[in-house]
C-alpha atoms as a PDB file:
ATOM      1  CA  UNK A   1      25.548  -1.566 -10.065  1.00  0.00           C
ATOM      2  CA  UNK A   2      29.221  -1.092 -10.928  1.00  0.00           C
ATOM      3  CA  UNK A   3      30.214  -2.081  -7.391  1.00  0.00           C
ATOM      4  CA  UNK A   4      27.826   0.351  -5.713  1.00  0.00           C
ATOM      5  CA  UNK A   5      24.942  -0.784  -3.533  1.00  0.00           C
ATOM      6  CA  UNK A   6      21.636   0.660  -4.680  1.00  0.00           C
ATOM      7  CA  UNK A   7      18.163   0.382  -3.218  1.00  0.00           C
ATOM      8  CA  UNK A   8      16.327  -0.027  -6.533  1.00  0.00           C
ATOM      9  CA  UNK A   9      12.583   0.435  -6.849  1.00  0.00           C
ATOM     10  CA  UNK A  10      10.535   0.450  -3.656  1.00  0.00           C
ATOM     11  CA  UNK A  11       6.773   0.572  -4.124  1.00  0.00           C
ATOM     12  CA  UNK A  12       4.524   1.802  -1.320  1.00  0.00           C
ATOM     13  CA  UNK A  13       0.746   2.264  -1.304  1.00  0.00           C
ATOM     14  CA  UNK A  14      -0.951   4.808   0.938  1.00  0.00           C
ATOM     15  CA  UNK A  15      -4.661   4.695   1.773  1.00  0.00           C
ATOM     16  CA  UNK A  16      -5.975   8.199   2.436  1.00  0.00           C
ATOM     17  CA  UNK A  17      -9.061   8.447   4.663  1.00  0.00           C
ATOM     18  CA  UNK A  18     -12.023  10.778   4.170  1.00  0.00           C
ATOM     19  CA  UNK A  19     -10.434  13.249   6.604  1.00  0.00           C
ATOM     20  CA  UNK A  20      -7.369  13.538   4.351  1.00  0.00           C
ATOM     21  CA  UNK A  21      -5.043  11.690   6.740  1.00  0.00           C
ATOM     22  CA  UNK A  22      -3.108   8.511   6.001  1.00  0.00           C
ATOM     23  CA  UNK A  23      -5.271   5.598   7.104  1.00  0.00           C
ATOM     24  CA  UNK A  24      -2.997   2.691   6.147  1.00  0.00           C
ATOM     25  CA  UNK A  25       0.410   2.084   4.550  1.00  0.00           C
ATOM     26  CA  UNK A  26       1.380  -0.967   2.497  1.00  0.00           C
ATOM     27  CA  UNK A  27       5.219  -0.914   2.423  1.00  0.00           C
ATOM     28  CA  UNK A  28       7.403  -2.838  -0.043  1.00  0.00           C
ATOM     29  CA  UNK A  29       4.518  -4.105  -2.204  1.00  0.00           C
ATOM     30  CA  UNK A  30       4.827  -6.411  -5.179  1.00  0.00           C
ATOM     31  CA  UNK A  31       2.683  -5.478  -8.176  1.00  0.00           C
ATOM     32  CA  UNK A  32       1.289  -8.987  -8.635  1.00  0.00           C
ATOM     33  CA  UNK A  33      -1.760  -9.489  -6.427  1.00  0.00           C
ATOM     34  CA  UNK A  34      -1.476  -6.134  -4.685  1.00  0.00           C
ATOM     35  CA  UNK A  35      -4.679  -4.692  -6.138  1.00  0.00           C
ATOM     36  CA  UNK A  36      -6.642  -7.565  -4.590  1.00  0.00           C
ATOM     37  CA  UNK A  37      -4.939  -6.996  -1.240  1.00  0.00           C
ATOM     38  CA  UNK A  38      -5.868  -3.292  -1.296  1.00  0.00           C
ATOM     39  CA  UNK A  39      -9.453  -4.063  -2.345  1.00  0.00           C
ATOM     40  CA  UNK A  40      -9.810  -6.588   0.491  1.00  0.00           C
ATOM     41  CA  UNK A  41      -8.484  -4.007   2.971  1.00  0.00           C
ATOM     42  CA  UNK A  42     -10.915  -1.353   1.704  1.00  0.00           C
ATOM     43  CA  UNK A  43     -13.887  -3.729   1.926  1.00  0.00           C
ATOM     44  CA  UNK A  44     -12.909  -4.744   5.474  1.00  0.00           C
ATOM     45  CA  UNK A  45     -12.374  -1.109   6.432  1.00  0.00           C
ATOM     46  CA  UNK A  46     -15.792  -0.111   5.065  1.00  0.00           C
ATOM     47  CA  UNK A  47     -17.408  -2.995   6.955  1.00  0.00           C
ATOM     48  CA  UNK A  48     -15.878  -1.784  10.215  1.00  0.00           C
ATOM     49  CA  UNK A  49     -16.976   1.800   9.638  1.00  0.00           C
ATOM     50  CA  UNK A  50     -20.624   0.895   8.999  1.00  0.00           C
END
């Protein structure tokens, strides 16, 4: 941008556990397909907790 280096938009998703602590971090996500990735993680996480 006008000769300057910029970072731009960086999306990150945080999964917060029932205890209020960060359970998982998805860094540098792309919007397309990310909801499915998060849903799959949550289903797998719930399966492990049961």
